Amino acid sequence: MNLKKALFAFALTAIVGFAAIAQEKASPAKKAEGTVAGAKITISYSSPAVKGRTVWGDLVPLGQVWRAGADDATTFTTSKDITIQGQKLAAGTYSFFIIPGETASTFIFNKVAKQWGAFNYDAKQDALRVSVPSQQTSTMEERLVYEVKPDSFEIRWEYAKAAAKIGA
């Protein structure tokens, strides 16, 4: 009888484990962190995958506000006042949006940090908007990636990237 119970428990554990693996989130939560100009920078986002789709201009329309990730709006946190592309951004947590373009994109830091996607985005709540160069790359990035660098932060997805300078 104990052997039957042990086998049943093992089988049940295996089924639950396989179900958990099969239901891995399509856009897993990620963080990019680093210190720039003496400020701790944290970018929290959900990382969708290309999955054979055309991202820029199709899945993500050019010229329209995009949540810069999946699910909840991406957030950008700075522990100190900084500059982005030479413009001041006070310490705090912001929702982060992008208006993508072929050669230039607009990075938006919005005062309403907790938002689902861009559905309730309100431009009147923007703390800062900056224009940054957009460019095509030869390297395919299957999942959306943010990276905090020594003097900037960068977003990469599919064959495109954009970056903004960070200063004190």
N, C-alpha and C. Protein backbone atom coordinates (compact mmCIF):
# COMPACT_ATOMS: atom_id res chain seq x y z
N MET A 1 0.82 -1.20 0.00
CA MET A 1 0.00 0.00 0.00
C MET A 1 0.86 1.26 0.00
N ASN A 2 1.95 1.25 0.76
CA ASN A 2 2.83 2.42 0.80
C ASN A 2 3.47 2.69 -0.54
N LEU A 3 3.78 1.61 -1.30
CA LEU A 3 4.38 1.78 -2.62
C LEU A 3 3.40 2.46 -3.56
N LYS A 4 2.11 2.11 -3.50
CA LYS A 4 1.10 2.74 -4.34
C LYS A 4 0.99 4.23 -4.02
N LYS A 5 1.01 4.57 -2.74
CA LYS A 5 0.92 5.98 -2.34
C LYS A 5 2.14 6.75 -2.82
N ALA A 6 3.29 6.14 -2.71
CA ALA A 6 4.53 6.80 -3.15
C ALA A 6 4.51 7.03 -4.66
N LEU A 7 4.07 6.02 -5.43
CA LEU A 7 3.98 6.18 -6.88
C LEU A 7 2.96 7.24 -7.26
N PHE A 8 1.82 7.25 -6.58
CA PHE A 8 0.80 8.26 -6.84
C PHE A 8 1.34 9.67 -6.55
N ALA A 9 2.03 9.83 -5.44
CA ALA A 9 2.60 11.14 -5.07
C ALA A 9 3.63 11.58 -6.10
N PHE A 10 4.47 10.63 -6.56
CA PHE A 10 5.48 10.95 -7.57
C PHE A 10 4.82 11.39 -8.88
N ALA A 11 3.81 10.64 -9.32
CA ALA A 11 3.11 10.97 -10.57
C ALA A 11 2.44 12.33 -10.48
N LEU A 12 1.80 12.61 -9.35
CA LEU A 12 1.14 13.90 -9.17
C LEU A 12 2.15 15.05 -9.20
N THR A 13 3.28 14.86 -8.54
CA THR A 13 4.33 15.89 -8.53
C THR A 13 4.86 16.13 -9.94
N ALA A 14 5.06 15.06 -10.70
CA ALA A 14 5.56 15.19 -12.07
C ALA A 14 4.57 15.94 -12.95
N ILE A 15 3.29 15.64 -12.83
CA ILE A 15 2.27 16.32 -13.63
C ILE A 15 2.22 17.81 -13.31
N VAL A 16 2.24 18.14 -12.03
CA VAL A 16 2.21 19.55 -11.61
C VAL A 16 3.46 20.27 -12.12
N GLY A 17 4.61 19.62 -12.03
CA GLY A 17 5.86 20.23 -12.50
C GLY A 17 5.83 20.49 -13.99
N PHE A 18 5.38 19.53 -14.79
CA PHE A 18 5.29 19.72 -16.23
C PHE A 18 4.29 20.80 -16.59
N ALA A 19 3.18 20.88 -15.87
CA ALA A 19 2.17 21.92 -16.13
C ALA A 19 2.75 23.30 -15.85
N ALA A 20 3.53 23.42 -14.80
CA ALA A 20 4.15 24.72 -14.47
C ALA A 20 5.12 25.15 -15.56
N ILE A 21 5.92 24.21 -16.07
CA ILE A 21 6.87 24.52 -17.14
C ILE A 21 6.11 24.93 -18.41
N ALA A 22 5.05 24.21 -18.73
CA ALA A 22 4.28 24.49 -19.94
C ALA A 22 3.60 25.85 -19.89
N GLN A 23 3.31 26.34 -18.69
CA GLN A 23 2.61 27.61 -18.56
C GLN A 23 3.55 28.77 -18.23
N GLU A 24 4.82 28.66 -18.63
CA GLU A 24 5.76 29.76 -18.42
C GLU A 24 5.18 31.01 -19.09
N LYS A 25 5.32 32.11 -18.43
CA LYS A 25 4.74 33.36 -18.91
C LYS A 25 5.30 33.73 -20.29
N ALA A 26 4.42 34.13 -21.19
CA ALA A 26 4.82 34.50 -22.55
C ALA A 26 5.76 35.69 -22.56
N SER A 27 5.59 36.61 -21.62
CA SER A 27 6.43 37.81 -21.51
C SER A 27 6.94 37.91 -20.07
N PRO A 28 7.99 37.17 -19.74
CA PRO A 28 8.46 37.13 -18.35
C PRO A 28 8.93 38.49 -17.84
N ALA A 29 8.76 38.70 -16.54
CA ALA A 29 9.21 39.93 -15.89
C ALA A 29 10.74 39.96 -15.85
N LYS A 30 11.30 41.12 -16.19
CA LYS A 30 12.75 41.31 -16.19
C LYS A 30 13.08 42.65 -15.54
N LYS A 31 14.35 42.78 -15.15
CA LYS A 31 14.86 44.05 -14.60
C LYS A 31 16.23 44.32 -15.20
N ALA A 32 16.45 45.60 -15.50
CA ALA A 32 17.79 46.07 -15.87
C ALA A 32 18.19 47.05 -14.79
N GLU A 33 19.36 46.86 -14.21
CA GLU A 33 19.80 47.72 -13.12
C GLU A 33 21.24 48.14 -13.32
N GLY A 34 21.55 49.32 -12.79
CA GLY A 34 22.91 49.81 -12.84
C GLY A 34 23.01 51.15 -12.16
N THR A 35 24.23 51.64 -12.03
CA THR A 35 24.46 52.95 -11.44
C THR A 35 25.04 53.86 -12.51
N VAL A 36 24.38 55.00 -12.70
CA VAL A 36 24.81 55.98 -13.69
C VAL A 36 24.79 57.34 -13.02
N ALA A 37 25.87 58.10 -13.15
CA ALA A 37 25.97 59.44 -12.58
C ALA A 37 25.62 59.45 -11.09
N GLY A 38 25.99 58.39 -10.38
CA GLY A 38 25.74 58.29 -8.94
C GLY A 38 24.32 57.91 -8.58
N ALA A 39 23.47 57.65 -9.55
CA ALA A 39 22.07 57.26 -9.30
C ALA A 39 21.88 55.79 -9.62
N LYS A 40 21.13 55.09 -8.75
CA LYS A 40 20.76 53.70 -9.04
C LYS A 40 19.57 53.75 -9.99
N ILE A 41 19.72 53.12 -11.13
CA ILE A 41 18.68 53.07 -12.16
C ILE A 41 18.13 51.66 -12.21
N THR A 42 16.79 51.53 -12.18
CA THR A 42 16.12 50.24 -12.30
C THR A 42 15.02 50.36 -13.35
N ILE A 43 15.07 49.50 -14.33
CA ILE A 43 14.02 49.44 -15.36
C ILE A 43 13.34 48.09 -15.20
N SER A 44 12.05 48.10 -14.87
CA SER A 44 11.26 46.87 -14.68
C SER A 44 10.30 46.75 -15.86
N TYR A 45 10.33 45.58 -16.51
CA TYR A 45 9.54 45.42 -17.72
C TYR A 45 9.17 43.95 -17.93
N SER A 46 8.19 43.72 -18.78
CA SER A 46 7.88 42.37 -19.25
C SER A 46 8.51 42.24 -20.62
N SER A 47 9.13 41.09 -20.88
CA SER A 47 9.95 40.90 -22.07
C SER A 47 9.27 39.99 -23.09
N PRO A 48 8.52 40.58 -24.03
CA PRO A 48 7.89 39.74 -25.06
C PRO A 48 8.92 39.22 -26.06
N ALA A 49 8.53 38.19 -26.80
CA ALA A 49 9.39 37.59 -27.82
C ALA A 49 8.89 37.94 -29.21
N VAL A 50 9.80 37.92 -30.16
CA VAL A 50 9.45 38.20 -31.56
C VAL A 50 8.54 37.10 -32.10
N LYS A 51 8.89 35.85 -31.88
CA LYS A 51 8.11 34.68 -32.32
C LYS A 51 7.78 34.71 -33.81
N GLY A 52 8.76 35.14 -34.64
CA GLY A 52 8.55 35.15 -36.08
C GLY A 52 7.73 36.31 -36.61
N ARG A 53 7.31 37.20 -35.73
CA ARG A 53 6.49 38.34 -36.15
C ARG A 53 7.36 39.51 -36.58
N THR A 54 6.79 40.43 -37.35
CA THR A 54 7.44 41.70 -37.64
C THR A 54 7.04 42.64 -36.52
N VAL A 55 8.02 43.14 -35.76
CA VAL A 55 7.72 43.95 -34.59
C VAL A 55 7.44 45.39 -34.96
N TRP A 56 8.47 46.09 -35.48
CA TRP A 56 8.38 47.54 -35.69
C TRP A 56 7.57 47.86 -36.94
N GLY A 57 6.52 48.64 -36.76
CA GLY A 57 5.64 49.01 -37.86
C GLY A 57 4.49 48.05 -38.05
N ASP A 58 4.49 46.94 -37.33
CA ASP A 58 3.41 45.96 -37.45
C ASP A 58 2.84 45.67 -36.06
N LEU A 59 3.51 44.82 -35.28
CA LEU A 59 3.08 44.53 -33.91
C LEU A 59 3.09 45.81 -33.07
N VAL A 60 4.14 46.60 -33.22
CA VAL A 60 4.27 47.90 -32.55
C VAL A 60 4.22 48.97 -33.63
N PRO A 61 3.09 49.68 -33.77
CA PRO A 61 2.97 50.70 -34.82
C PRO A 61 3.96 51.87 -34.59
N LEU A 62 4.54 52.35 -35.68
CA LEU A 62 5.40 53.52 -35.60
C LEU A 62 4.54 54.76 -35.38
N GLY A 63 5.07 55.73 -34.64
CA GLY A 63 4.38 57.00 -34.45
C GLY A 63 3.27 56.98 -33.41
N GLN A 64 3.12 55.89 -32.66
CA GLN A 64 2.09 55.79 -31.63
C GLN A 64 2.71 55.42 -30.28
N VAL A 65 2.08 55.87 -29.20
CA VAL A 65 2.59 55.56 -27.86
C VAL A 65 2.51 54.05 -27.63
N TRP A 66 3.63 53.50 -27.17
CA TRP A 66 3.75 52.07 -26.88
C TRP A 66 4.23 51.90 -25.45
N ARG A 67 3.74 50.91 -24.74
CA ARG A 67 4.06 50.68 -23.32
C ARG A 67 5.50 50.23 -23.08
N ALA A 68 6.27 50.04 -24.12
CA ALA A 68 7.69 49.71 -24.03
C ALA A 68 7.96 48.37 -23.35
N GLY A 69 7.07 47.43 -23.58
CA GLY A 69 7.17 46.09 -23.03
C GLY A 69 5.85 45.38 -23.26
N ALA A 70 5.49 44.50 -22.33
CA ALA A 70 4.21 43.80 -22.39
C ALA A 70 3.55 43.91 -21.03
N ASP A 71 2.27 43.61 -20.98
CA ASP A 71 1.50 43.60 -19.73
C ASP A 71 1.51 45.00 -19.09
N ASP A 72 1.93 45.09 -17.80
CA ASP A 72 2.01 46.40 -17.14
C ASP A 72 2.96 47.31 -17.91
N ALA A 73 2.75 48.60 -17.79
CA ALA A 73 3.69 49.54 -18.40
C ALA A 73 5.07 49.36 -17.77
N THR A 74 6.09 49.52 -18.56
CA THR A 74 7.47 49.48 -18.07
C THR A 74 7.67 50.62 -17.08
N THR A 75 8.47 50.39 -16.03
CA THR A 75 8.78 51.48 -15.10
C THR A 75 10.28 51.76 -15.10
N PHE A 76 10.58 53.04 -14.90
CA PHE A 76 11.96 53.53 -14.84
C PHE A 76 12.10 54.22 -13.49
N THR A 77 13.04 53.75 -12.67
CA THR A 77 13.27 54.32 -11.34
C THR A 77 14.68 54.87 -11.25
N THR A 78 14.80 56.09 -10.72
CA THR A 78 16.10 56.67 -10.45
C THR A 78 16.14 57.11 -8.99
N SER A 79 17.24 56.79 -8.32
CA SER A 79 17.36 57.11 -6.89
C SER A 79 17.76 58.57 -6.64
N LYS A 80 18.25 59.24 -7.68
CA LYS A 80 18.67 60.64 -7.58
C LYS A 80 18.19 61.41 -8.80
N ASP A 81 18.16 62.74 -8.68
CA ASP A 81 17.88 63.57 -9.85
C ASP A 81 18.97 63.31 -10.89
N ILE A 82 18.56 63.17 -12.15
CA ILE A 82 19.50 62.93 -13.25
C ILE A 82 19.07 63.78 -14.45
N THR A 83 19.86 63.70 -15.51
CA THR A 83 19.43 64.25 -16.80
C THR A 83 19.33 63.09 -17.78
N ILE A 84 18.35 63.21 -18.67
CA ILE A 84 18.18 62.27 -19.77
C ILE A 84 18.30 63.11 -21.04
N GLN A 85 19.26 62.80 -21.86
CA GLN A 85 19.50 63.59 -23.08
C GLN A 85 19.66 65.08 -22.73
N GLY A 86 20.25 65.36 -21.56
CA GLY A 86 20.50 66.73 -21.15
C GLY A 86 19.35 67.43 -20.46
N GLN A 87 18.20 66.75 -20.31
CA GLN A 87 17.02 67.36 -19.67
C GLN A 87 16.81 66.73 -18.30
N LYS A 88 16.39 67.54 -17.33
CA LYS A 88 16.27 67.09 -15.93
C LYS A 88 15.10 66.14 -15.72
N LEU A 89 15.39 65.09 -14.91
CA LEU A 89 14.37 64.14 -14.45
C LEU A 89 14.59 63.96 -12.96
N ALA A 90 13.58 64.29 -12.16
CA ALA A 90 13.68 64.18 -10.70
C ALA A 90 13.72 62.72 -10.27
N ALA A 91 14.33 62.47 -9.11
CA ALA A 91 14.35 61.13 -8.54
C ALA A 91 12.92 60.63 -8.40
N GLY A 92 12.71 59.34 -8.65
CA GLY A 92 11.38 58.76 -8.50
C GLY A 92 11.17 57.60 -9.45
N THR A 93 9.93 57.11 -9.48
CA THR A 93 9.55 56.01 -10.36
C THR A 93 8.52 56.53 -11.36
N TYR A 94 8.75 56.22 -12.61
CA TYR A 94 7.91 56.69 -13.71
C TYR A 94 7.50 55.50 -14.57
N SER A 95 6.31 55.59 -15.20
CA SER A 95 6.02 54.65 -16.26
C SER A 95 6.82 55.15 -17.47
N PHE A 96 7.26 54.20 -18.29
CA PHE A 96 8.12 54.53 -19.42
C PHE A 96 7.43 54.08 -20.70
N PHE A 97 7.26 55.03 -21.61
CA PHE A 97 6.63 54.76 -22.90
C PHE A 97 7.55 55.19 -24.01
N ILE A 98 7.31 54.68 -25.20
CA ILE A 98 8.09 55.05 -26.37
C ILE A 98 7.13 55.33 -27.52
N ILE A 99 7.43 56.37 -28.28
CA ILE A 99 6.80 56.57 -29.58
C ILE A 99 7.89 56.21 -30.59
N PRO A 100 7.84 54.98 -31.13
CA PRO A 100 8.92 54.54 -32.01
C PRO A 100 8.84 55.20 -33.39
N GLY A 101 10.03 55.42 -33.95
CA GLY A 101 10.15 55.93 -35.31
C GLY A 101 11.32 55.26 -36.01
N GLU A 102 11.40 55.41 -37.32
CA GLU A 102 12.46 54.74 -38.08
C GLU A 102 13.84 55.28 -37.76
N THR A 103 13.97 56.61 -37.65
CA THR A 103 15.29 57.20 -37.40
C THR A 103 15.38 57.90 -36.05
N ALA A 104 14.25 58.23 -35.46
CA ALA A 104 14.22 58.85 -34.12
C ALA A 104 12.98 58.37 -33.39
N SER A 105 13.12 58.19 -32.09
CA SER A 105 11.99 57.79 -31.24
C SER A 105 11.87 58.77 -30.09
N THR A 106 10.70 58.81 -29.47
CA THR A 106 10.49 59.65 -28.30
C THR A 106 10.39 58.76 -27.08
N PHE A 107 11.25 59.02 -26.08
CA PHE A 107 11.18 58.33 -24.80
C PHE A 107 10.36 59.20 -23.87
N ILE A 108 9.38 58.59 -23.21
CA ILE A 108 8.44 59.32 -22.35
C ILE A 108 8.52 58.78 -20.93
N PHE A 109 8.68 59.68 -19.97
CA PHE A 109 8.69 59.34 -18.54
C PHE A 109 7.43 59.96 -17.95
N ASN A 110 6.48 59.12 -17.56
CA ASN A 110 5.16 59.57 -17.12
C ASN A 110 5.02 59.43 -15.61
N LYS A 111 4.41 60.42 -14.97
CA LYS A 111 4.31 60.46 -13.50
C LYS A 111 3.40 59.38 -12.91
N VAL A 112 2.53 58.77 -13.72
CA VAL A 112 1.65 57.71 -13.22
C VAL A 112 2.39 56.38 -13.42
N ALA A 113 3.06 55.93 -12.36
CA ALA A 113 3.97 54.78 -12.49
C ALA A 113 3.24 53.46 -12.70
N LYS A 114 2.12 53.23 -12.04
CA LYS A 114 1.40 51.96 -12.15
C LYS A 114 0.29 52.10 -13.18
N GLN A 115 0.50 51.49 -14.34
CA GLN A 115 -0.49 51.51 -15.41
C GLN A 115 -0.48 50.16 -16.10
N TRP A 116 -1.63 49.74 -16.63
CA TRP A 116 -1.70 48.53 -17.43
C TRP A 116 -1.54 48.97 -18.88
N GLY A 117 -0.44 48.60 -19.48
CA GLY A 117 -0.21 48.97 -20.87
C GLY A 117 -0.20 50.47 -21.05
N ALA A 118 -0.70 50.90 -22.19
CA ALA A 118 -0.78 52.34 -22.50
C ALA A 118 -2.24 52.77 -22.65
N PHE A 119 -3.16 51.95 -22.17
CA PHE A 119 -4.59 52.19 -22.38
C PHE A 119 -5.07 53.47 -21.71
N ASN A 120 -4.54 53.80 -20.53
CA ASN A 120 -4.95 55.01 -19.81
C ASN A 120 -3.85 56.06 -19.80
N TYR A 121 -2.91 55.95 -20.74
CA TYR A 121 -1.82 56.91 -20.83
C TYR A 121 -2.38 58.32 -21.02
N ASP A 122 -1.85 59.26 -20.24
CA ASP A 122 -2.28 60.66 -20.31
C ASP A 122 -1.04 61.54 -20.47
N ALA A 123 -0.89 62.15 -21.63
CA ALA A 123 0.29 62.98 -21.92
C ALA A 123 0.42 64.14 -20.94
N LYS A 124 -0.68 64.57 -20.32
CA LYS A 124 -0.62 65.67 -19.35
C LYS A 124 0.18 65.27 -18.11
N GLN A 125 0.35 63.97 -17.90
CA GLN A 125 1.10 63.47 -16.75
C GLN A 125 2.58 63.20 -17.06
N ASP A 126 3.02 63.58 -18.26
CA ASP A 126 4.42 63.35 -18.63
C ASP A 126 5.33 64.25 -17.80
N ALA A 127 6.36 63.65 -17.22
CA ALA A 127 7.39 64.41 -16.50
C ALA A 127 8.46 64.85 -17.49
N LEU A 128 8.69 64.04 -18.53
CA LEU A 128 9.76 64.34 -19.49
C LEU A 128 9.53 63.56 -20.78
N ARG A 129 9.81 64.23 -21.89
CA ARG A 129 9.85 63.60 -23.22
C ARG A 129 11.17 63.99 -23.86
N VAL A 130 11.88 63.01 -24.40
CA VAL A 130 13.14 63.29 -25.09
C VAL A 130 13.18 62.53 -26.41
N SER A 131 13.81 63.13 -27.39
CA SER A 131 14.01 62.49 -28.68
C SER A 131 15.36 61.78 -28.66
N VAL A 132 15.37 60.55 -29.15
CA VAL A 132 16.59 59.75 -29.21
C VAL A 132 16.71 59.13 -30.60
N PRO A 133 17.94 58.90 -31.05
CA PRO A 133 18.09 58.24 -32.35
C PRO A 133 17.67 56.77 -32.28
N SER A 134 17.00 56.31 -33.32
CA SER A 134 16.64 54.89 -33.48
C SER A 134 17.50 54.34 -34.61
N GLN A 135 17.87 53.09 -34.48
CA GLN A 135 18.66 52.52 -35.57
C GLN A 135 18.40 51.03 -35.74
N GLN A 136 18.64 50.57 -36.96
CA GLN A 136 18.57 49.14 -37.26
C GLN A 136 19.90 48.51 -36.88
N THR A 137 19.85 47.24 -36.48
CA THR A 137 21.07 46.50 -36.15
C THR A 137 21.12 45.24 -37.01
N SER A 138 22.27 44.63 -37.07
CA SER A 138 22.41 43.38 -37.81
C SER A 138 22.19 42.17 -36.89
N THR A 139 22.03 42.45 -35.59
CA THR A 139 21.86 41.38 -34.61
C THR A 139 20.39 41.25 -34.22
N MET A 140 19.85 40.05 -34.32
CA MET A 140 18.47 39.78 -33.95
C MET A 140 18.38 39.60 -32.44
N GLU A 141 17.49 40.34 -31.81
CA GLU A 141 17.23 40.22 -30.37
C GLU A 141 15.83 39.62 -30.25
N GLU A 142 15.73 38.31 -29.95
CA GLU A 142 14.44 37.61 -29.90
C GLU A 142 13.53 38.18 -28.82
N ARG A 143 14.09 38.46 -27.64
CA ARG A 143 13.29 39.03 -26.54
C ARG A 143 13.66 40.48 -26.33
N LEU A 144 12.68 41.28 -25.95
CA LEU A 144 12.91 42.67 -25.61
C LEU A 144 13.93 42.75 -24.48
N VAL A 145 14.92 43.61 -24.63
CA VAL A 145 15.99 43.74 -23.64
C VAL A 145 16.24 45.22 -23.35
N TYR A 146 16.35 45.54 -22.07
CA TYR A 146 16.85 46.85 -21.63
C TYR A 146 18.21 46.61 -21.00
N GLU A 147 19.10 47.58 -21.18
CA GLU A 147 20.42 47.50 -20.55
C GLU A 147 20.82 48.87 -20.04
N VAL A 148 21.24 48.91 -18.77
CA VAL A 148 21.76 50.13 -18.19
C VAL A 148 23.27 50.10 -18.40
N LYS A 149 23.78 51.12 -19.07
CA LYS A 149 25.22 51.21 -19.39
C LYS A 149 25.85 52.29 -18.52
N PRO A 150 27.18 52.45 -18.57
CA PRO A 150 27.84 53.43 -17.68
C PRO A 150 27.36 54.88 -17.83
N ASP A 151 26.86 55.26 -19.03
CA ASP A 151 26.41 56.64 -19.21
C ASP A 151 25.08 56.75 -19.95
N SER A 152 24.32 55.63 -20.00
CA SER A 152 23.08 55.63 -20.78
C SER A 152 22.24 54.40 -20.43
N PHE A 153 21.08 54.31 -21.08
CA PHE A 153 20.33 53.05 -21.07
C PHE A 153 19.85 52.80 -22.48
N GLU A 154 19.67 51.51 -22.79
CA GLU A 154 19.38 51.10 -24.16
C GLU A 154 18.24 50.11 -24.18
N ILE A 155 17.44 50.16 -25.23
CA ILE A 155 16.41 49.16 -25.49
C ILE A 155 16.74 48.51 -26.82
N ARG A 156 16.60 47.15 -26.86
CA ARG A 156 16.85 46.40 -28.09
C ARG A 156 15.73 45.37 -28.26
N TRP A 157 15.26 45.25 -29.49
CA TRP A 157 14.27 44.21 -29.80
C TRP A 157 14.22 44.02 -31.30
N GLU A 158 14.13 42.80 -31.73
CA GLU A 158 14.15 42.42 -33.12
C GLU A 158 15.46 42.97 -33.71
N TYR A 159 15.40 43.75 -34.77
CA TYR A 159 16.62 44.32 -35.38
C TYR A 159 16.72 45.82 -35.13
N ALA A 160 16.23 46.29 -33.99
CA ALA A 160 16.27 47.73 -33.73
C ALA A 160 16.77 48.02 -32.32
N LYS A 161 17.31 49.23 -32.16
CA LYS A 161 17.71 49.67 -30.82
C LYS A 161 17.63 51.19 -30.76
N ALA A 162 17.52 51.66 -29.51
CA ALA A 162 17.53 53.10 -29.24
C ALA A 162 18.13 53.27 -27.85
N ALA A 163 18.82 54.39 -27.63
CA ALA A 163 19.47 54.63 -26.36
C ALA A 163 19.35 56.11 -25.98
N ALA A 164 19.40 56.36 -24.68
CA ALA A 164 19.36 57.74 -24.15
C ALA A 164 20.53 57.94 -23.21
N LYS A 165 21.18 59.09 -23.33
CA LYS A 165 22.29 59.45 -22.43
C LYS A 165 21.73 59.84 -21.07
N ILE A 166 22.45 59.42 -20.02
CA ILE A 166 22.09 59.78 -18.64
C ILE A 166 23.27 60.56 -18.05
N GLY A 167 22.96 61.66 -17.37
CA GLY A 167 23.98 62.46 -16.72
C GLY A 167 23.52 62.91 -15.34
N ALA A 168 24.43 63.62 -14.65
CA ALA A 168 24.12 64.13 -13.30
C ALA A 168 23.32 65.41 -13.39
